[in-house]
């Protein structure tokens, strides 16, 4: 947008229609894709129909520190974005105890028509793991996963497939769970795929007194012996083509000699008559035959070791700033192999939406579930940026569920007892008001009360900065004074306070004292400090929802995992 004359607008904050995609539940006829914000167990139980899914891929949080009995207690930066919502879950507590009781209550869970089928193998496995592992973090994790794997099995069609992406830390335990759930009900284990994430040997620390770890595990199961399968292939490489080094110049092209290991007399006679039989070079050796390159499919089938897809590097074009983001090529291979166009693909831990984005591109229907609002916003922004011309049509076909739709549901989110869930209210408020353009501050620390940040275009390629603070109560003058102090320290042009009340007289005085900012491109002056109420984030009969009205610096300005402390550096880079 550099060098483009922007239209004049009288106010920084505008009322805009239609209702923002994240402020209202999208429902209605013709919607084929679904995005759920909430606990995936509850969504799977209540929202996902039995035998409605063709393919499910999940990449749940997993521990990269490989300490079996301290799983998730000390996750590294690469795990944090995906595991942050589950940190409490992996410690043994009420949630884990209730889940275990639910699984072991075999009388109540006796299979009934139309309900989840719990196998005796599954129940007894968890009972045995409790004895072996004790009630600790690892068992809490396995209980969490078992409850969800059982529901995913219920949701799969008889022809459906399931891929579970994990690392070697707990893969052996997870395979036991998968065997109990799937194989106990007519399903089958197909592959343990080893995905080599990187060609590099790893850091010196990772190589210290051990072999460097460079692969993830992907388990592949089917629900029955009749499953959708399109064998993945790769074009022949130079090494393979070099094997076809013979040519009789008879018009049939190059060939290689292949041992004729087992054959009938009829096959032998046919090959000899067709001048394709190659006699052994020494007595007692086997015959060979001429295998022509032109008779081949032009592609070689991929095996269960995937070393041709690297993890995303920091400057990859598809990179979104999400530490655990998987490359689209990985999901493309899985989706193409185990589904067809028009099929439904489910990701119950959809994170930054790689599964969703690839399913959309490959003309599959999709269902995404995530417990963090930030992920929901990121997914929608990802699709909008990918398909700017088709976005209205794509958006019209997305059903949103679990997102606050009115003031009552927003305040219910804000007033949840656990702090982890209350933080989701802050994320929802900031991302809704900023039209998914802001970044969330996950680390408060030295950044005080800054809850989010966004960059906008000023003039001549220069970026301006806006900071956000959210309160689930009425605001006061002290809140604005603190926000203004943070704004000055961060060298930000604007500070926005989102709270539950309109500004009082002392607050309006504080706003006036902070002064105004004249935008060079928009040629207008706006208050440097502004107050937005939670109620104003929703449509009303007499006026639409309030949204940030600034030319944003980058379409992909939301970087969900970036720290505010790096804001100045990133702004200078145009990030």
Protein backbone atom coordinates (compact mmCIF):
# COMPACT_ATOMS: atom_id res chain seq x y z
CA UNK A 1 0.00 0.00 0.00
CA UNK A 2 3.02 2.25 -0.18
CA UNK A 3 2.54 5.31 -2.27
CA UNK A 4 -1.21 4.75 -2.59
CA UNK A 5 -3.49 7.64 -1.77
CA UNK A 6 -6.01 6.45 0.79
CA UNK A 7 -9.49 7.93 1.10
CA UNK A 8 -10.17 10.37 3.88
CA UNK A 9 -12.20 9.08 6.79
CA UNK A 10 -13.51 11.24 9.58
CA UNK A 11 -12.89 8.83 12.49
CA UNK A 12 -10.28 6.28 13.50
CA UNK A 13 -12.91 3.99 14.94
CA UNK A 14 -15.63 3.12 12.47
CA UNK A 15 -18.86 1.17 12.48
CA UNK A 16 -18.64 -1.39 9.71
CA UNK A 17 -20.87 -4.08 8.24
CA UNK A 18 -21.17 -6.97 7.79
CA UNK A 19 -20.76 -8.40 11.27
CA UNK A 20 -17.19 -9.45 11.86
CA UNK A 21 -16.58 -13.14 11.16
CA UNK A 22 -15.43 -13.75 14.70
CA UNK A 23 -18.21 -11.84 16.41
CA UNK A 24 -21.09 -13.94 15.17
CA UNK A 25 -21.86 -17.60 14.75
CA UNK A 26 -21.95 -18.43 11.07
CA UNK A 27 -24.88 -20.72 10.37
CA UNK A 28 -27.27 -21.43 7.57
CA UNK A 29 -27.86 -23.51 4.51
CA UNK A 30 -24.94 -24.19 2.23
CA UNK A 31 -22.20 -24.02 4.87
CA UNK A 32 -19.89 -27.00 4.36
CA UNK A 33 -16.85 -26.20 6.52
CA UNK A 34 -16.82 -25.86 10.30
CA UNK A 35 -14.47 -24.12 12.73
CA UNK A 36 -14.98 -24.72 16.44
CA UNK A 37 -13.55 -22.68 19.30
CA UNK A 38 -13.48 -24.73 22.48
CA UNK A 39 -12.43 -27.95 24.19
CA UNK A 40 -12.12 -30.53 21.41
CA UNK A 41 -13.52 -33.30 23.63
CA UNK A 42 -16.78 -31.45 24.15
CA UNK A 43 -16.94 -30.50 20.49
CA UNK A 44 -16.29 -34.08 19.37
CA UNK A 45 -18.96 -35.39 21.72
CA UNK A 46 -21.64 -32.81 21.02
CA UNK A 47 -20.99 -31.44 17.55
CA UNK A 48 -19.36 -34.07 15.33
CA UNK A 49 -21.79 -36.61 13.95
CA UNK A 50 -21.18 -40.33 14.07
CA UNK A 51 -19.46 -41.73 10.93
CA UNK A 52 -19.30 -38.30 9.26
CA UNK A 53 -15.53 -37.89 8.77
CA UNK A 54 -13.40 -39.43 6.01
CA UNK A 55 -9.97 -38.53 7.36
CA UNK A 56 -8.69 -37.24 10.68
CA UNK A 57 -5.19 -35.90 11.26
CA UNK A 58 -4.13 -34.56 14.64
CA UNK A 59 -0.88 -33.03 15.83
CA UNK A 60 -1.51 -32.70 19.58
CA UNK A 61 0.99 -31.09 21.92
CA UNK A 62 3.87 -33.40 22.74
CA UNK A 63 6.95 -33.16 24.86
CA UNK A 64 10.30 -32.68 23.19
CA UNK A 65 12.34 -33.09 26.38
CA UNK A 66 11.85 -36.87 26.36
CA UNK A 67 11.50 -37.25 30.11
CA UNK A 68 8.77 -39.83 30.36
CA UNK A 69 7.67 -39.01 33.86
CA UNK A 70 7.89 -35.24 33.48
CA UNK A 71 6.07 -34.96 30.20
CA UNK A 72 5.11 -31.36 29.36
CA UNK A 73 6.59 -30.02 32.56
CA UNK A 74 9.54 -28.39 30.83
CA UNK A 75 8.51 -27.91 27.23
CA UNK A 76 10.80 -25.92 24.99
CA UNK A 77 9.93 -22.93 22.81
CA UNK A 78 9.03 -25.21 19.93
CA UNK A 79 6.23 -26.74 22.04
CA UNK A 80 4.96 -23.68 23.84
CA UNK A 81 2.52 -22.26 21.32
CA UNK A 82 0.61 -25.49 21.00
CA UNK A 83 0.95 -26.68 24.59
CA UNK A 84 0.22 -23.43 26.42
CA UNK A 85 -3.48 -24.19 26.67
CA UNK A 86 -2.78 -27.65 28.08
CA UNK A 87 -0.05 -27.02 30.61
CA UNK A 88 -2.37 -27.51 33.58
CA UNK A 89 -3.98 -30.55 32.02
CA UNK A 90 -0.76 -32.60 32.06
CA UNK A 91 -0.44 -32.32 35.80
CA UNK A 92 -2.55 -34.83 37.68
CA UNK A 93 -5.60 -33.03 39.00
CA UNK A 94 -9.38 -33.01 39.00
CA UNK A 95 -9.67 -33.05 35.20
CA UNK A 96 -7.39 -36.08 34.85
CA UNK A 97 -9.08 -37.88 37.76
CA UNK A 98 -12.54 -37.29 36.28
CA UNK A 99 -11.33 -38.53 32.89
CA UNK A 100 -9.89 -41.68 34.43
CA UNK A 101 -13.09 -42.35 36.36
CA UNK A 102 -15.07 -41.89 33.16
CA UNK A 103 -12.95 -44.46 31.31
CA UNK A 104 -12.96 -47.05 34.10
CA UNK A 105 -16.72 -46.88 34.69
CA UNK A 106 -17.29 -49.89 32.47
CA UNK A 107 -20.91 -50.43 33.56
CA UNK A 108 -21.95 -46.95 32.50
CA UNK A 109 -19.87 -47.13 29.35
CA UNK A 110 -21.27 -50.47 28.14
CA UNK A 111 -21.72 -50.08 24.37
CA UNK A 112 -25.16 -48.94 23.34
CA UNK A 113 -26.56 -48.30 19.87
CA UNK A 114 -25.66 -44.92 18.48
CA UNK A 115 -23.13 -44.14 21.19
CA UNK A 116 -19.36 -44.29 21.48
CA UNK A 117 -18.06 -47.84 21.44
CA UNK A 118 -15.70 -48.41 24.35
CA UNK A 119 -13.79 -51.66 24.03
CA UNK A 120 -12.81 -53.79 26.98
CA UNK A 121 -9.22 -53.58 25.68
CA UNK A 122 -9.25 -49.81 26.02
CA UNK A 123 -10.60 -49.83 29.56
CA UNK A 124 -8.22 -52.53 30.76
CA UNK A 125 -5.24 -50.83 29.07
CA UNK A 126 -5.83 -47.61 30.98
CA UNK A 127 -6.37 -49.58 34.17
CA UNK A 128 -3.00 -51.28 33.62
CA UNK A 129 -1.22 -48.03 32.76
CA UNK A 130 -2.46 -46.53 36.01
CA UNK A 131 -0.75 -49.36 37.87
CA UNK A 132 2.48 -49.04 35.89
CA UNK A 133 2.81 -45.26 35.65
CA UNK A 134 0.91 -44.06 38.68
CA UNK A 135 -1.26 -40.97 38.74
CA UNK A 136 1.14 -38.46 37.29
CA UNK A 137 1.59 -36.18 34.30
CA UNK A 138 2.14 -38.96 31.78
CA UNK A 139 -1.05 -40.79 32.77
CA UNK A 140 -2.91 -37.46 32.69
CA UNK A 141 -1.74 -37.01 29.11
CA UNK A 142 -2.71 -40.55 28.09
CA UNK A 143 -6.16 -40.19 29.66
CA UNK A 144 -6.59 -36.91 27.75
CA UNK A 145 -5.61 -38.57 24.46
CA UNK A 146 -7.65 -41.75 25.00
CA UNK A 147 -10.89 -39.85 25.56
CA UNK A 148 -10.39 -37.98 22.29
CA UNK A 149 -9.15 -40.92 20.20
CA UNK A 150 -12.29 -42.86 21.13
CA UNK A 151 -14.48 -39.96 19.97
CA UNK A 152 -12.49 -39.59 16.74
CA UNK A 153 -12.99 -43.30 16.05
CA UNK A 154 -16.75 -42.81 16.50
CA UNK A 155 -16.75 -39.87 14.06
CA UNK A 156 -14.86 -41.73 11.31
CA UNK A 157 -16.72 -43.37 8.47
CA UNK A 158 -16.14 -47.12 8.02
CA UNK A 159 -13.82 -46.18 5.13
CA UNK A 160 -12.07 -43.55 7.22
CA UNK A 161 -8.41 -43.17 8.20
CA UNK A 162 -6.67 -41.65 11.21
CA UNK A 163 -3.17 -40.12 11.42
CA UNK A 164 -1.68 -39.28 14.82
CA UNK A 165 1.43 -37.08 14.71
CA UNK A 166 3.68 -37.38 17.75
CA UNK A 167 7.33 -37.73 18.74
CA UNK A 168 9.14 -40.75 20.20
CA UNK A 169 8.64 -39.56 23.78
CA UNK A 170 5.28 -41.22 24.33
CA UNK A 171 4.64 -42.85 20.94
CA UNK A 172 4.88 -46.36 22.37
CA UNK A 173 2.12 -45.62 24.85
CA UNK A 174 -0.04 -43.94 22.23
CA UNK A 175 0.27 -46.93 19.92
CA UNK A 176 -1.11 -49.16 22.66
CA UNK A 177 -4.11 -46.83 22.96
CA UNK A 178 -4.64 -46.79 19.19
CA UNK A 179 -4.40 -50.59 19.00
CA UNK A 180 -7.00 -50.94 21.76
CA UNK A 181 -9.43 -48.45 20.20
CA UNK A 182 -9.06 -49.28 16.51
CA UNK A 183 -7.95 -52.90 16.30
CA UNK A 184 -10.43 -53.88 18.98
CA UNK A 185 -13.28 -52.76 16.70
CA UNK A 186 -12.29 -54.16 13.32
CA UNK A 187 -9.76 -51.48 12.40
CA UNK A 188 -6.13 -51.94 11.56
CA UNK A 189 -2.69 -50.47 12.08
CA UNK A 190 -1.18 -49.62 8.70
CA UNK A 191 2.05 -47.71 9.17
CA UNK A 192 4.41 -46.04 11.57
CA UNK A 193 5.65 -43.22 9.37
CA UNK A 194 9.02 -41.69 10.24
CA UNK A 195 9.13 -38.08 9.16
CA UNK A 196 12.69 -36.77 9.09
CA UNK A 197 12.09 -33.10 9.82
CA UNK A 198 15.52 -31.79 8.92
CA UNK A 199 18.64 -32.93 7.06
CA UNK A 200 20.86 -31.39 9.74
CA UNK A 201 22.37 -33.21 12.67
CA UNK A 202 21.06 -30.82 15.27
CA UNK A 203 22.74 -28.63 17.85
CA UNK A 204 25.82 -29.63 19.80
CA UNK A 205 23.58 -30.01 22.85
CA UNK A 206 21.28 -32.44 21.04
CA UNK A 207 24.32 -34.51 20.01
CA UNK A 208 25.85 -34.66 23.46
CA UNK A 209 26.33 -38.31 24.50
CA UNK A 210 23.48 -39.47 22.29
CA UNK A 211 22.34 -39.63 18.69
CA UNK A 212 20.65 -36.40 17.51
CA UNK A 213 16.88 -36.62 17.21
CA UNK A 214 15.56 -35.53 13.85
CA UNK A 215 12.27 -37.33 13.24
CA UNK A 216 8.63 -37.37 14.31
CA UNK A 217 6.34 -40.38 14.33
CA UNK A 218 3.03 -40.44 12.44
CA UNK A 219 0.76 -43.42 13.15
CA UNK A 220 -1.65 -44.44 10.38
CA UNK A 221 -4.77 -46.46 11.29
CA UNK A 222 -7.93 -47.37 9.40
CA UNK A 223 -11.37 -47.99 10.86
CA UNK A 224 -12.03 -51.11 8.76
CA UNK A 225 -10.50 -53.29 6.06
CA UNK A 226 -12.13 -51.09 3.40
CA UNK A 227 -10.45 -47.70 3.43
CA UNK A 228 -9.84 -44.87 0.99
CA UNK A 229 -6.35 -45.10 -0.43
CA UNK A 230 -4.52 -43.24 -3.19
CA UNK A 231 -0.93 -44.45 -3.05
CA UNK A 232 1.41 -41.43 -2.79
CA UNK A 233 4.18 -41.35 -5.36
CA UNK A 234 7.16 -39.26 -6.39
CA UNK A 235 8.51 -38.72 -9.92
CA UNK A 236 11.48 -40.86 -10.80
CA UNK A 237 14.75 -39.28 -9.70
CA UNK A 238 18.01 -39.18 -11.60
CA UNK A 239 19.41 -42.07 -9.58
CA UNK A 240 16.46 -44.28 -10.47
CA UNK A 241 16.48 -43.29 -14.15
CA UNK A 242 20.21 -44.10 -14.36
CA UNK A 243 19.38 -47.76 -13.73
CA UNK A 244 17.80 -47.96 -17.20
CA UNK A 245 21.17 -47.90 -18.94
CA UNK A 246 20.58 -50.51 -21.65
CA UNK A 247 19.03 -49.86 -25.07
CA UNK A 248 18.78 -52.34 -27.98
CA UNK A 249 17.87 -49.51 -30.37
CA UNK A 250 14.76 -51.45 -31.40
CA UNK A 251 12.35 -48.63 -30.65
CA UNK A 252 11.34 -49.89 -27.22
CA UNK A 253 13.65 -47.47 -25.39
CA UNK A 254 15.96 -47.91 -22.40
CA UNK A 255 15.59 -50.82 -19.99
CA UNK A 256 17.14 -52.39 -16.94
CA UNK A 257 17.77 -56.06 -16.21
CA UNK A 258 15.52 -57.39 -13.42
CA UNK A 259 15.89 -60.84 -11.87
CA UNK A 260 13.15 -63.30 -12.79
CA UNK A 261 12.77 -64.82 -9.33
CA UNK A 262 9.57 -66.86 -9.66
CA UNK A 263 7.80 -67.59 -12.92
CA UNK A 264 5.67 -70.09 -14.76
CA UNK A 265 6.66 -71.85 -17.96
CA UNK A 266 4.12 -69.73 -19.83
CA UNK A 267 5.75 -66.53 -18.54
CA UNK A 268 9.19 -67.83 -19.48
CA UNK A 269 8.05 -68.70 -23.02
CA UNK A 270 6.32 -65.33 -23.44
CA UNK A 271 9.39 -63.32 -22.40
CA UNK A 272 11.62 -65.41 -24.66
CA UNK A 273 9.33 -64.99 -27.65
CA UNK A 274 9.23 -61.22 -27.03
CA UNK A 275 13.03 -61.02 -26.90
CA UNK A 276 12.90 -59.88 -23.28
CA UNK A 277 14.58 -62.84 -21.64
CA UNK A 278 18.18 -62.37 -20.51
CA UNK A 279 20.18 -65.59 -20.01
CA UNK A 280 22.35 -65.93 -16.90
CA UNK A 281 26.02 -65.05 -17.31
CA UNK A 282 27.15 -68.12 -15.39
CA UNK A 283 25.76 -71.63 -14.90
CA UNK A 284 23.23 -71.92 -12.06
CA UNK A 285 22.44 -68.21 -11.97
CA UNK A 286 18.90 -66.84 -12.38
CA UNK A 287 17.38 -65.53 -15.58
CA UNK A 288 16.62 -61.85 -15.90
CA UNK A 289 14.18 -59.94 -18.05
CA UNK A 290 14.19 -56.55 -19.73
CA UNK A 291 12.11 -54.03 -17.74
CA UNK A 292 11.48 -51.05 -20.04
CA UNK A 293 11.25 -47.53 -18.65
CA UNK A 294 8.35 -46.78 -20.98
CA UNK A 295 6.23 -49.43 -19.26
CA UNK A 296 6.60 -47.78 -15.87
CA UNK A 297 4.12 -45.36 -14.36
CA UNK A 298 6.67 -42.55 -14.25
CA UNK A 299 6.56 -42.46 -10.48
CA UNK A 300 7.87 -44.48 -7.56
CA UNK A 301 5.64 -45.27 -4.60
CA UNK A 302 6.62 -43.62 -1.32
CA UNK A 303 7.47 -45.85 1.64
CA UNK A 304 7.08 -45.18 5.38
CA UNK A 305 10.28 -43.13 5.72
CA UNK A 306 9.64 -39.55 4.62
CA UNK A 307 12.89 -37.64 4.23
CA UNK A 308 11.92 -35.43 1.30
CA UNK A 309 9.85 -32.87 3.24
CA UNK A 310 11.76 -30.55 5.55
CA UNK A 311 10.31 -28.61 8.44
CA UNK A 312 9.71 -24.94 7.75
CA UNK A 313 12.72 -22.66 8.01
CA UNK A 314 12.35 -19.24 9.69
CA UNK A 315 12.03 -17.39 6.35
CA UNK A 316 9.75 -19.84 4.52
CA UNK A 317 6.99 -18.11 2.57
CA UNK A 318 4.23 -20.09 4.27
CA UNK A 319 5.67 -19.41 7.73
CA UNK A 320 3.15 -17.70 10.06
CA UNK A 321 5.26 -17.34 13.20
CA UNK A 322 3.73 -20.42 14.84
CA UNK A 323 6.57 -22.49 16.37
CA UNK A 324 4.97 -25.91 15.78
CA UNK A 325 3.67 -25.13 12.28
CA UNK A 326 3.94 -28.10 9.90
CA UNK A 327 4.73 -27.73 6.19
CA UNK A 328 1.79 -27.86 3.81
CA UNK A 329 3.58 -30.51 1.74
CA UNK A 330 3.32 -32.93 4.67
CA UNK A 331 -0.44 -32.49 5.02
CA UNK A 332 -0.91 -32.53 1.25
CA UNK A 333 0.62 -36.00 1.07
CA UNK A 334 -1.61 -37.32 3.86
CA UNK A 335 -4.82 -35.73 2.60
CA UNK A 336 -4.30 -36.86 -0.98
CA UNK A 337 -3.45 -40.41 0.12
CA UNK A 338 -6.47 -40.96 2.39
CA UNK A 339 -9.28 -38.85 0.96
CA UNK A 340 -10.87 -37.74 -2.30
CA UNK A 341 -12.32 -34.43 -3.44
CA UNK A 342 -15.48 -33.61 -1.53
CA UNK A 343 -14.50 -35.77 1.45
CA UNK A 344 -14.47 -34.35 4.99
CA UNK A 345 -11.14 -33.82 6.79
CA UNK A 346 -11.02 -33.26 10.56
CA UNK A 347 -8.22 -31.71 12.64
CA UNK A 348 -9.08 -31.62 16.36
CA UNK A 349 -5.91 -29.64 17.28
CA UNK A 350 -5.86 -27.35 14.27
CA UNK A 351 -3.40 -24.74 15.66
CA UNK A 352 -2.43 -22.34 12.86
CA UNK A 353 -4.63 -24.22 10.36
CA UNK A 354 -2.25 -26.05 8.04
CA UNK A 355 -4.67 -28.97 7.70
CA UNK A 356 -7.54 -26.56 7.04
CA UNK A 357 -5.58 -24.55 4.45
CA UNK A 358 -4.48 -27.65 2.53
CA UNK A 359 -7.94 -29.24 2.67
CA UNK A 360 -9.41 -26.02 1.29
CA UNK A 361 -6.87 -26.00 -1.56
CA UNK A 362 -7.49 -29.66 -2.39
CA UNK A 363 -11.28 -29.22 -2.54
CA UNK A 364 -12.05 -31.16 0.62
CA UNK A 365 -14.58 -30.22 3.22
CA UNK A 366 -12.96 -29.55 6.57
CA UNK A 367 -13.60 -29.33 10.30
CA UNK A 368 -11.14 -27.57 12.59
CA UNK A 369 -11.19 -27.44 16.40
CA UNK A 370 -8.92 -25.46 18.71
CA UNK A 371 -9.07 -24.38 22.33
CA UNK A 372 -7.31 -21.04 21.77
CA UNK A 373 -9.08 -18.09 20.19
CA UNK A 374 -5.79 -16.94 18.73
CA UNK A 375 -5.70 -20.03 16.52
CA UNK A 376 -9.23 -19.43 15.25
CA UNK A 377 -8.33 -15.87 14.28
CA UNK A 378 -5.09 -16.97 12.66
CA UNK A 379 -6.80 -19.64 10.57
CA UNK A 380 -9.38 -17.24 9.20
CA UNK A 381 -6.72 -14.63 8.44
CA UNK A 382 -4.63 -17.31 6.73
CA UNK A 383 -7.50 -18.26 4.44
CA UNK A 384 -8.35 -14.64 3.72
CA UNK A 385 -4.76 -13.84 2.78
CA UNK A 386 -4.49 -16.99 0.66
CA UNK A 387 -7.73 -16.35 -1.26
CA UNK A 388 -8.39 -12.58 -1.25
CA UNK A 389 -10.63 -12.71 -4.33
CA UNK A 390 -12.59 -15.78 -3.24
CA UNK A 391 -12.72 -14.95 0.47
CA UNK A 392 -16.38 -13.76 0.60
CA UNK A 393 -17.50 -17.06 -0.94
CA UNK A 394 -15.18 -19.12 1.29
CA UNK A 395 -16.24 -17.23 4.41
CA UNK A 396 -19.91 -17.76 3.55
CA UNK A 397 -19.28 -21.51 3.61
CA UNK A 398 -17.64 -21.53 7.06
CA UNK A 399 -19.74 -22.26 10.15
CA UNK A 400 -18.22 -20.75 13.27
CA UNK A 401 -19.09 -22.20 16.64
CA UNK A 402 -18.09 -21.29 20.19
CA UNK A 403 -17.12 -17.66 19.42
CA UNK A 404 -18.86 -15.00 21.61
CA UNK A 405 -21.96 -13.80 19.74
CA UNK A 406 -23.26 -11.20 22.17
CA UNK A 407 -22.33 -9.28 25.31
CA UNK A 408 -23.63 -12.03 27.59
CA UNK A 409 -21.48 -14.78 26.03
CA UNK A 410 -18.44 -12.47 25.93
CA UNK A 411 -18.72 -11.71 29.63
CA UNK A 412 -19.25 -15.39 30.38
CA UNK A 413 -15.86 -15.99 28.75
CA UNK A 414 -14.32 -13.13 30.73
CA UNK A 415 -15.68 -14.34 34.05
CA UNK A 416 -14.46 -17.93 33.85
CA UNK A 417 -12.77 -19.05 37.03
CA UNK A 418 -9.47 -20.28 35.59
CA UNK A 419 -6.95 -17.69 34.48
CA UNK A 420 -6.09 -19.64 31.33
CA UNK A 421 -9.63 -19.25 29.99
CA UNK A 422 -9.90 -15.61 31.04
CA UNK A 423 -6.86 -14.88 28.88
CA UNK A 424 -8.92 -16.10 25.93
CA UNK A 425 -11.27 -13.18 26.55
CA UNK A 426 -8.37 -10.76 26.10
CA UNK A 427 -7.35 -12.45 22.85
CA UNK A 428 -10.90 -12.45 21.53
CA UNK A 429 -11.42 -8.75 22.31
CA UNK A 430 -8.14 -7.60 20.72
CA UNK A 431 -8.35 -9.76 17.61
CA UNK A 432 -12.03 -8.97 17.04
CA UNK A 433 -11.50 -5.21 17.32
CA UNK A 434 -8.32 -5.27 15.19
CA UNK A 435 -9.91 -7.48 12.52
CA UNK A 436 -7.33 -10.19 13.29
CA UNK A 437 -4.43 -7.85 12.53
CA UNK A 438 -2.97 -7.58 16.05
CA UNK A 439 -0.47 -9.80 17.81
CA UNK A 440 -1.09 -11.11 21.29
CA UNK A 441 1.50 -10.50 24.00
CA UNK A 442 2.03 -13.92 25.62
CA UNK A 443 4.81 -12.63 27.89
CA UNK A 444 3.85 -9.68 30.05
CA UNK A 445 6.93 -9.19 32.25
CA UNK A 446 8.76 -5.98 31.44
CA UNK A 447 6.00 -5.00 29.01
CA UNK A 448 3.62 -4.25 31.86
CA UNK A 449 -0.03 -4.39 30.98
CA UNK A 450 0.30 -4.54 27.21
CA UNK A 451 -2.01 -7.29 26.00
CA UNK A 452 -1.49 -6.86 22.25
CA UNK A 453 0.20 -4.83 19.53
CA UNK A 454 -0.44 -3.95 15.88
CA UNK A 455 1.51 -2.10 13.20
CA UNK A 456 0.02 0.26 10.64
CA UNK A 457 1.32 2.22 7.65
CA UNK A 458 2.33 5.80 8.33
CA UNK A 459 4.14 7.30 5.38
CA UNK A 460 6.97 6.39 2.97
CA UNK A 461 7.09 2.79 4.13
CA UNK A 462 7.35 3.74 7.79
CA UNK A 463 5.30 1.71 10.29
CA UNK A 464 3.36 3.10 13.22
CA UNK A 465 2.42 1.17 16.36
CA UNK A 466 -0.77 0.67 18.35
CA UNK A 467 -0.94 -1.11 21.72
CA UNK A 468 -3.95 -2.71 23.43
CA UNK A 469 -5.04 -3.33 26.99
CA UNK A 470 -8.15 -5.32 27.97
CA UNK A 471 -10.17 -5.19 31.21
CA UNK A 472 -13.16 -7.40 32.05
CA UNK A 473 -14.48 -4.60 34.27
CA UNK A 474 -15.28 -0.88 33.96
CA UNK A 475 -12.25 1.22 33.08
CA UNK A 476 -10.91 4.12 35.13
CA UNK A 477 -8.49 7.00 34.85
CA UNK A 478 -5.63 4.98 36.33
CA UNK A 479 -6.03 2.39 33.54
CA UNK A 480 -5.66 5.08 30.89
CA UNK A 481 -2.73 6.70 32.70
CA UNK A 482 -0.92 3.35 32.78
CA UNK A 483 -1.79 2.70 29.14
CA UNK A 484 -0.44 6.10 28.12
CA UNK A 485 2.79 5.49 30.04
CA UNK A 486 3.16 2.16 28.22
CA UNK A 487 2.41 3.88 24.92
CA UNK A 488 5.15 6.46 25.47
CA UNK A 489 7.65 3.82 26.57
CA UNK A 490 6.90 1.64 23.52
CA UNK A 491 6.97 4.68 21.20
CA UNK A 492 3.47 3.84 20.01
CA UNK A 493 1.16 6.29 18.29
CA UNK A 494 -2.03 4.85 19.76
CA UNK A 495 -3.22 3.13 22.91
CA UNK A 496 -6.58 1.33 22.99
CA UNK A 497 -8.37 0.32 26.19
CA UNK A 498 -11.11 -2.30 25.81
CA UNK A 499 -13.34 -2.49 28.89
CA UNK A 500 -16.99 -2.84 29.94
CA UNK A 501 -17.94 0.85 30.37
CA UNK A 502 -17.93 4.12 28.48
CA UNK A 503 -15.24 6.62 29.55
CA UNK A 504 -16.01 8.75 32.61
CA UNK A 505 -15.27 12.46 32.90
CA UNK A 506 -11.82 11.85 34.49
CA UNK A 507 -11.07 9.31 31.71
CA UNK A 508 -12.06 11.81 29.02
CA UNK A 509 -9.70 14.33 30.66
CA UNK A 510 -6.88 11.76 30.46
CA UNK A 511 -7.67 11.15 26.77
CA UNK A 512 -7.58 14.88 26.07
CA UNK A 513 -4.27 15.29 27.91
CA UNK A 514 -2.63 12.58 25.76
CA UNK A 515 -3.30 14.68 22.66
CA UNK A 516 -4.00 13.70 19.08
CA UNK A 517 -2.11 12.02 16.26
CA UNK A 518 -2.35 13.25 12.67
CA UNK A 519 -2.08 10.38 10.21
CA UNK A 520 0.02 11.42 7.17
CA UNK A 521 -1.80 9.14 4.72
CA UNK A 522 -5.32 9.60 6.02
CA UNK A 523 -4.89 13.32 6.62
CA UNK A 524 -6.91 13.29 9.86
CA UNK A 525 -6.40 13.69 13.58
CA UNK A 526 -7.44 11.06 16.15
CA UNK A 527 -7.09 10.68 19.90
CA UNK A 528 -3.91 8.88 20.89
CA UNK A 529 -5.84 7.18 23.72
CA UNK A 530 -9.21 5.60 22.97
CA UNK A 531 -11.74 3.54 24.89
CA UNK A 532 -13.83 0.77 23.29
CA UNK A 533 -16.53 -1.04 25.24
CA UNK A 534 -17.11 -4.78 24.95
CA UNK A 535 -20.69 -4.07 23.90
CA UNK A 536 -19.41 -1.98 20.98
CA UNK A 537 -17.66 -5.06 19.53
CA UNK A 538 -21.06 -6.47 18.52
CA UNK A 539 -23.63 -5.42 15.97
CA UNK A 540 -26.70 -3.60 17.25
CA UNK A 541 -29.95 -2.76 15.41
CA UNK A 542 -29.01 0.92 15.21
CA UNK A 543 -25.29 0.63 14.53
CA UNK A 544 -22.83 -2.04 13.47
CA UNK A 545 -19.79 -3.30 15.37
CA UNK A 546 -16.85 -1.05 16.10
CA UNK A 547 -13.55 -1.91 14.42
CA UNK A 548 -10.05 -0.50 14.06
CA UNK A 549 -9.76 1.66 10.98
CA UNK A 550 -6.09 1.93 10.03
CA UNK A 551 -4.10 0.84 6.96
CA UNK A 552 -2.28 -2.17 8.38
CA UNK A 553 1.43 -2.65 7.71
CA UNK A 554 1.17 -6.22 6.47
CA UNK A 555 -1.68 -8.53 5.62
CA UNK A 556 -0.10 -11.21 7.79
CA UNK A 557 0.59 -8.90 10.70
CA UNK A 558 -0.71 -11.42 13.18
CA UNK A 559 2.28 -13.38 14.44
CA UNK A 560 0.80 -15.48 17.15
CA UNK A 561 3.98 -16.64 18.77
CA UNK A 562 6.06 -13.46 18.54
CA UNK A 563 7.09 -11.62 21.67
CA UNK A 564 6.28 -7.96 22.13
CA UNK A 565 9.87 -7.44 23.16
CA UNK A 566 10.89 -7.98 19.54
CA UNK A 567 8.32 -5.53 18.24
CA UNK A 568 10.72 -2.74 17.27
CA UNK A 569 13.02 -5.12 15.42
CA UNK A 570 10.14 -6.72 13.57
CA UNK A 571 8.62 -3.37 12.68
CA UNK A 572 11.88 -2.31 11.07
CA UNK A 573 11.74 -5.47 8.97
CA UNK A 574 8.16 -4.83 7.92
CA UNK A 575 6.83 -7.78 9.95
